[in-house]
């Protein structure tokens, strides 16, 4: 799943491998992508 840094709600510019997140699937230019990404503590 593609995640653009602007979709990460914490203001972070990246995610760590295996980091747990919640997200909504939103339409992208070609394929669905993640939106409203929230890191789960």
Protein backbone atom coordinates (compact mmCIF):
# COMPACT_ATOMS: atom_id res chain seq x y z
CA UNK A 1 0.00 0.00 0.00
CA UNK A 2 1.41 3.39 -0.98
CA UNK A 3 1.60 5.99 1.82
CA UNK A 4 2.52 9.60 1.05
CA UNK A 5 4.11 11.36 4.04
CA UNK A 6 1.37 14.01 3.98
CA UNK A 7 -1.17 11.30 4.93
CA UNK A 8 0.61 10.55 8.25
CA UNK A 9 -1.38 12.36 10.95
CA UNK A 10 1.46 12.68 13.49
CA UNK A 11 3.35 15.05 11.18
CA UNK A 12 6.12 12.49 10.72
CA UNK A 13 7.66 12.17 7.27
CA UNK A 14 8.24 8.40 7.45
CA UNK A 15 7.12 5.13 8.98
CA UNK A 16 9.29 2.36 10.39
CA UNK A 17 9.15 -1.16 8.98
CA UNK A 18 6.54 -3.27 10.86
CA UNK A 19 5.15 -0.16 12.61
CA UNK A 20 1.46 -0.64 13.41
CA UNK A 21 -0.88 1.92 11.86
CA UNK A 22 -4.55 2.50 11.13
CA UNK A 23 -5.53 4.03 7.80
CA UNK A 24 -8.34 4.64 5.33
CA UNK A 25 -8.10 3.45 1.75
CA UNK A 26 -8.44 6.41 -0.61
CA UNK A 27 -8.36 6.61 -4.41
CA UNK A 28 -4.96 7.49 -5.84
CA UNK A 29 -3.95 8.60 -9.34
CA UNK A 30 -3.43 4.99 -10.46
CA UNK A 31 -4.23 2.68 -7.55
CA UNK A 32 -5.74 2.95 -4.06
CA UNK A 33 -3.48 4.45 -1.42
CA UNK A 34 -3.49 4.97 2.35
CA UNK A 35 -4.99 8.15 3.77
CA UNK A 36 -5.46 9.50 7.31
CA UNK A 37 -2.65 7.28 8.60
CA UNK A 38 -2.41 7.11 12.40
CA UNK A 39 0.39 5.32 14.24
CA UNK A 40 -0.88 2.90 16.90
CA UNK A 41 1.12 3.11 20.14
